[in-house]
């Protein structure tokens, strides 16, 4: 239960804290059930992730300090294209891990 409480926030954390009076094993199982029921909407999770990714600050190719955040690909002329493809690949992998086809 401590793990769940530590790594959740907002409404999810309120669910965990609300069940903390139970013994740890029972509370953990109940919290997972509640979290899946109330916070486990895959479409909502995916939309939140995509919204967050789209809100990242744009990376301008004329600003090498910004590009250095991404390692060696930042020095390449087509760095922005590679970074965009990486983000797209990451989103696809994330969606796949959620079972979204």
N, C-alpha and C. Protein backbone atom coordinates (compact mmCIF):
# COMPACT_ATOMS: atom_id res chain seq x y z
N UNK A 1 0.82 -1.19 0.00
CA UNK A 1 0.00 0.00 0.00
C UNK A 1 0.87 1.26 0.00
N UNK A 2 1.97 1.21 0.71
CA UNK A 2 2.86 2.38 0.73
C UNK A 2 3.36 2.70 -0.67
N UNK A 3 3.67 1.65 -1.43
CA UNK A 3 4.15 1.81 -2.80
C UNK A 3 3.08 2.50 -3.64
N UNK A 4 1.84 2.03 -3.55
CA UNK A 4 0.75 2.63 -4.32
C UNK A 4 0.53 4.08 -3.92
N UNK A 5 0.58 4.34 -2.63
CA UNK A 5 0.37 5.70 -2.16
C UNK A 5 1.49 6.63 -2.62
N UNK A 6 2.70 6.13 -2.62
CA UNK A 6 3.87 6.93 -3.02
C UNK A 6 3.85 7.26 -4.51
N UNK A 7 3.39 6.33 -5.35
CA UNK A 7 3.47 6.51 -6.80
C UNK A 7 2.14 6.87 -7.45
N UNK A 8 1.20 7.38 -6.68
CA UNK A 8 -0.05 7.88 -7.24
C UNK A 8 -0.24 9.31 -6.79
N UNK A 9 -1.16 9.99 -7.46
CA UNK A 9 -1.49 11.36 -7.06
C UNK A 9 -2.95 11.62 -7.42
N UNK A 10 -3.47 12.72 -6.94
CA UNK A 10 -4.83 13.13 -7.27
C UNK A 10 -5.87 12.10 -6.86
N UNK A 11 -6.82 11.86 -7.77
CA UNK A 11 -7.94 10.96 -7.48
C UNK A 11 -7.45 9.54 -7.21
N UNK A 12 -6.42 9.10 -7.92
CA UNK A 12 -5.90 7.75 -7.71
C UNK A 12 -5.33 7.60 -6.30
N UNK A 13 -4.63 8.61 -5.83
CA UNK A 13 -4.06 8.54 -4.49
C UNK A 13 -5.16 8.56 -3.42
N UNK A 14 -6.23 9.29 -3.68
CA UNK A 14 -7.34 9.31 -2.72
C UNK A 14 -7.96 7.93 -2.57
N UNK A 15 -8.03 7.19 -3.67
CA UNK A 15 -8.54 5.82 -3.61
C UNK A 15 -7.65 4.97 -2.72
N UNK A 16 -6.34 5.07 -2.92
CA UNK A 16 -5.38 4.28 -2.15
C UNK A 16 -5.43 4.65 -0.68
N UNK A 17 -5.42 5.93 -0.38
CA UNK A 17 -5.45 6.39 1.02
C UNK A 17 -6.75 5.95 1.69
N UNK A 18 -7.85 5.99 0.95
CA UNK A 18 -9.14 5.60 1.49
C UNK A 18 -9.21 4.13 1.88
N UNK A 19 -8.32 3.31 1.32
CA UNK A 19 -8.31 1.88 1.64
C UNK A 19 -7.14 1.50 2.54
N UNK A 20 -6.40 2.48 3.02
CA UNK A 20 -5.21 2.19 3.82
C UNK A 20 -5.53 1.63 5.20
N UNK A 21 -6.79 1.69 5.63
CA UNK A 21 -7.17 1.13 6.92
C UNK A 21 -7.20 -0.40 6.89
N UNK A 22 -7.27 -0.98 5.69
CA UNK A 22 -7.27 -2.44 5.56
C UNK A 22 -5.88 -3.00 5.77
N UNK A 23 -5.79 -4.32 6.07
CA UNK A 23 -4.46 -4.90 6.16
C UNK A 23 -3.80 -4.79 4.78
N UNK A 24 -2.47 -4.72 4.72
CA UNK A 24 -1.77 -4.42 3.47
C UNK A 24 -2.16 -5.31 2.29
N UNK A 25 -2.25 -6.59 2.48
CA UNK A 25 -2.55 -7.49 1.35
C UNK A 25 -3.97 -7.25 0.82
N UNK A 26 -4.93 -7.17 1.71
CA UNK A 26 -6.31 -6.93 1.31
C UNK A 26 -6.46 -5.54 0.71
N UNK A 27 -5.84 -4.56 1.35
CA UNK A 27 -5.90 -3.18 0.87
C UNK A 27 -5.29 -3.02 -0.51
N UNK A 28 -4.17 -3.69 -0.74
CA UNK A 28 -3.49 -3.61 -2.04
C UNK A 28 -4.38 -4.16 -3.14
N UNK A 29 -4.97 -5.33 -2.90
CA UNK A 29 -5.85 -5.94 -3.91
C UNK A 29 -7.08 -5.08 -4.16
N UNK A 30 -7.66 -4.54 -3.08
CA UNK A 30 -8.84 -3.68 -3.22
C UNK A 30 -8.48 -2.39 -3.96
N UNK A 31 -7.32 -1.83 -3.66
CA UNK A 31 -6.89 -0.60 -4.32
C UNK A 31 -6.67 -0.83 -5.81
N UNK A 32 -6.03 -1.94 -6.17
CA UNK A 32 -5.83 -2.25 -7.59
C UNK A 32 -7.17 -2.40 -8.31
N UNK A 33 -8.11 -3.08 -7.67
CA UNK A 33 -9.44 -3.24 -8.27
C UNK A 33 -10.10 -1.88 -8.52
N UNK A 34 -10.09 -1.04 -7.47
CA UNK A 34 -10.70 0.29 -7.57
C UNK A 34 -9.99 1.16 -8.61
N UNK A 35 -8.66 1.11 -8.62
CA UNK A 35 -7.90 1.91 -9.58
C UNK A 35 -8.22 1.49 -11.00
N UNK A 36 -8.29 0.19 -11.24
CA UNK A 36 -8.63 -0.28 -12.59
C UNK A 36 -10.03 0.13 -12.97
N UNK A 37 -10.95 0.06 -12.02
CA UNK A 37 -12.34 0.40 -12.31
C UNK A 37 -12.52 1.89 -12.56
N UNK A 38 -11.89 2.73 -11.73
CA UNK A 38 -12.13 4.17 -11.80
C UNK A 38 -11.10 4.93 -12.63
N UNK A 39 -9.90 4.39 -12.76
CA UNK A 39 -8.83 5.13 -13.45
C UNK A 39 -8.23 4.35 -14.61
N UNK A 40 -8.76 3.20 -14.93
CA UNK A 40 -8.14 2.33 -15.91
C UNK A 40 -8.69 2.45 -17.31
N UNK A 41 -9.33 3.55 -17.64
CA UNK A 41 -9.88 3.76 -18.98
C UNK A 41 -8.73 3.94 -19.96
N UNK A 42 -8.49 2.94 -20.81
CA UNK A 42 -7.34 2.97 -21.72
C UNK A 42 -7.38 4.17 -22.66
N UNK A 43 -8.54 4.49 -23.17
CA UNK A 43 -8.65 5.62 -24.10
C UNK A 43 -8.27 6.92 -23.39
N UNK A 44 -8.70 7.05 -22.15
CA UNK A 44 -8.39 8.26 -21.37
C UNK A 44 -6.88 8.35 -21.10
N UNK A 45 -6.27 7.22 -20.78
CA UNK A 45 -4.83 7.19 -20.51
C UNK A 45 -4.06 7.57 -21.77
N UNK A 46 -4.45 6.98 -22.89
CA UNK A 46 -3.77 7.27 -24.17
C UNK A 46 -3.92 8.74 -24.53
N UNK A 47 -5.14 9.27 -24.40
CA UNK A 47 -5.36 10.69 -24.72
C UNK A 47 -4.53 11.60 -23.83
N UNK A 48 -4.42 11.26 -22.56
CA UNK A 48 -3.60 12.06 -21.64
C UNK A 48 -2.13 12.02 -22.04
N UNK A 49 -1.65 10.83 -22.43
CA UNK A 49 -0.25 10.70 -22.84
C UNK A 49 0.02 11.50 -24.10
N UNK A 50 -0.86 11.39 -25.09
CA UNK A 50 -0.67 12.11 -26.35
C UNK A 50 -0.74 13.61 -26.11
N UNK A 51 -1.68 14.06 -25.28
CA UNK A 51 -1.79 15.48 -24.96
C UNK A 51 -0.49 15.97 -24.31
N UNK A 52 0.07 15.17 -23.42
CA UNK A 52 1.32 15.56 -22.76
C UNK A 52 2.45 15.63 -23.78
N UNK A 53 2.53 14.63 -24.66
CA UNK A 53 3.60 14.60 -25.68
C UNK A 53 3.47 15.81 -26.62
N UNK A 54 2.25 16.17 -26.98
CA UNK A 54 2.05 17.30 -27.88
C UNK A 54 2.34 18.64 -27.20
N UNK A 55 2.34 18.66 -25.88
CA UNK A 55 2.60 19.91 -25.17
C UNK A 55 4.09 20.16 -24.92
N UNK A 56 4.93 19.18 -25.29
CA UNK A 56 6.37 19.38 -25.12
C UNK A 56 6.81 20.59 -25.93
N UNK A 57 7.77 21.30 -25.42
CA UNK A 57 8.28 22.48 -26.12
C UNK A 57 8.89 22.07 -27.46
N UNK A 58 8.62 22.86 -28.51
CA UNK A 58 9.21 22.53 -29.81
C UNK A 58 10.72 22.64 -29.77
N UNK A 59 11.36 21.87 -30.59
CA UNK A 59 12.82 21.87 -30.66
C UNK A 59 13.22 22.51 -31.98
N UNK A 60 13.91 23.61 -31.89
CA UNK A 60 14.34 24.31 -33.10
C UNK A 60 15.72 23.82 -33.51
N UNK A 61 15.90 23.51 -34.79
CA UNK A 61 17.20 23.01 -35.24
C UNK A 61 18.33 24.02 -35.10
N UNK A 62 18.00 25.31 -34.98
CA UNK A 62 19.04 26.32 -34.86
C UNK A 62 19.49 26.54 -33.42
N UNK A 63 18.98 25.71 -32.50
CA UNK A 63 19.36 25.84 -31.10
C UNK A 63 20.04 24.54 -30.66
N UNK A 64 21.36 24.46 -30.81
CA UNK A 64 22.07 23.21 -30.50
C UNK A 64 21.94 22.76 -29.06
N UNK A 65 21.78 23.69 -28.13
CA UNK A 65 21.63 23.29 -26.74
C UNK A 65 20.36 22.47 -26.54
N UNK A 66 19.27 22.87 -27.19
CA UNK A 66 18.03 22.10 -27.11
C UNK A 66 18.22 20.71 -27.72
N UNK A 67 18.88 20.66 -28.85
CA UNK A 67 19.06 19.39 -29.55
C UNK A 67 19.98 18.44 -28.80
N UNK A 68 20.91 18.98 -28.02
CA UNK A 68 21.83 18.13 -27.27
C UNK A 68 21.13 17.27 -26.23
N UNK A 69 19.92 17.68 -25.82
CA UNK A 69 19.16 16.87 -24.87
C UNK A 69 18.91 15.46 -25.42
N UNK A 70 18.90 15.34 -26.73
CA UNK A 70 18.55 14.07 -27.35
C UNK A 70 19.76 13.28 -27.81
N UNK A 71 20.95 13.65 -27.37
CA UNK A 71 22.14 12.88 -27.67
C UNK A 71 22.67 13.10 -29.06
N UNK A 72 23.37 12.09 -29.61
CA UNK A 72 24.07 12.25 -30.89
C UNK A 72 23.16 12.60 -32.06
N UNK A 73 21.88 12.22 -32.02
CA UNK A 73 21.04 12.54 -33.16
C UNK A 73 20.81 14.03 -33.28
N UNK A 74 21.05 14.77 -32.19
CA UNK A 74 20.86 16.21 -32.22
C UNK A 74 21.80 16.91 -33.18
N UNK A 75 22.92 16.30 -33.48
CA UNK A 75 23.89 16.92 -34.37
C UNK A 75 23.55 16.70 -35.84
N UNK A 76 22.65 15.82 -36.14
CA UNK A 76 22.29 15.47 -37.51
C UNK A 76 21.37 16.53 -38.11
N UNK A 77 21.51 16.77 -39.42
CA UNK A 77 20.67 17.77 -40.10
C UNK A 77 19.18 17.48 -39.97
N UNK A 78 18.83 16.21 -39.94
CA UNK A 78 17.42 15.84 -39.87
C UNK A 78 17.01 15.43 -38.46
N UNK A 79 17.62 16.05 -37.47
CA UNK A 79 17.37 15.66 -36.07
C UNK A 79 15.90 15.74 -35.71
N UNK A 80 15.23 16.78 -36.16
CA UNK A 80 13.82 16.96 -35.81
C UNK A 80 13.00 15.79 -36.34
N UNK A 81 13.28 15.36 -37.55
CA UNK A 81 12.55 14.23 -38.13
C UNK A 81 12.79 12.98 -37.29
N UNK A 82 14.02 12.72 -36.91
CA UNK A 82 14.33 11.54 -36.11
C UNK A 82 13.67 11.60 -34.73
N UNK A 83 13.67 12.75 -34.14
CA UNK A 83 13.05 12.90 -32.83
C UNK A 83 11.54 12.68 -32.95
N UNK A 84 10.92 13.24 -33.99
CA UNK A 84 9.48 13.04 -34.19
C UNK A 84 9.17 11.57 -34.40
N UNK A 85 10.00 10.88 -35.17
CA UNK A 85 9.79 9.45 -35.40
C UNK A 85 9.97 8.66 -34.11
N UNK A 86 10.94 9.06 -33.29
CA UNK A 86 11.15 8.39 -32.02
C UNK A 86 9.93 8.56 -31.12
N UNK A 87 9.40 9.78 -31.05
CA UNK A 87 8.22 10.04 -30.22
C UNK A 87 7.04 9.21 -30.73
N UNK A 88 6.86 9.15 -32.05
CA UNK A 88 5.79 8.36 -32.62
C UNK A 88 5.96 6.88 -32.28
N UNK A 89 7.18 6.38 -32.40
CA UNK A 89 7.45 4.98 -32.05
C UNK A 89 7.16 4.73 -30.58
N UNK A 90 7.55 5.66 -29.72
CA UNK A 90 7.32 5.51 -28.29
C UNK A 90 5.82 5.47 -27.99
N UNK A 91 5.06 6.35 -28.65
CA UNK A 91 3.61 6.37 -28.45
C UNK A 91 3.01 5.04 -28.90
N UNK A 92 3.45 4.53 -30.05
CA UNK A 92 2.94 3.25 -30.54
C UNK A 92 3.25 2.12 -29.57
N UNK A 93 4.46 2.10 -29.03
CA UNK A 93 4.83 1.07 -28.06
C UNK A 93 3.99 1.19 -26.80
N UNK A 94 3.74 2.42 -26.37
CA UNK A 94 2.92 2.65 -25.19
C UNK A 94 1.50 2.15 -25.42
N UNK A 95 0.93 2.48 -26.57
CA UNK A 95 -0.42 2.02 -26.90
C UNK A 95 -0.48 0.50 -26.95
N UNK A 96 0.54 -0.11 -27.55
CA UNK A 96 0.59 -1.56 -27.63
C UNK A 96 0.66 -2.20 -26.25
N UNK A 97 1.41 -1.57 -25.35
CA UNK A 97 1.52 -2.11 -23.99
C UNK A 97 0.18 -2.06 -23.26
N UNK A 98 -0.70 -1.15 -23.67
CA UNK A 98 -2.03 -1.05 -23.08
C UNK A 98 -3.03 -1.99 -23.75
N UNK A 99 -2.58 -2.63 -24.84
CA UNK A 99 -3.46 -3.54 -25.55
C UNK A 99 -4.33 -2.84 -26.57
N UNK A 100 -3.98 -1.60 -26.92
CA UNK A 100 -4.74 -0.86 -27.92
C UNK A 100 -4.22 -1.26 -29.29
N UNK A 101 -5.12 -1.65 -30.17
CA UNK A 101 -4.72 -2.07 -31.53
C UNK A 101 -4.81 -0.91 -32.48
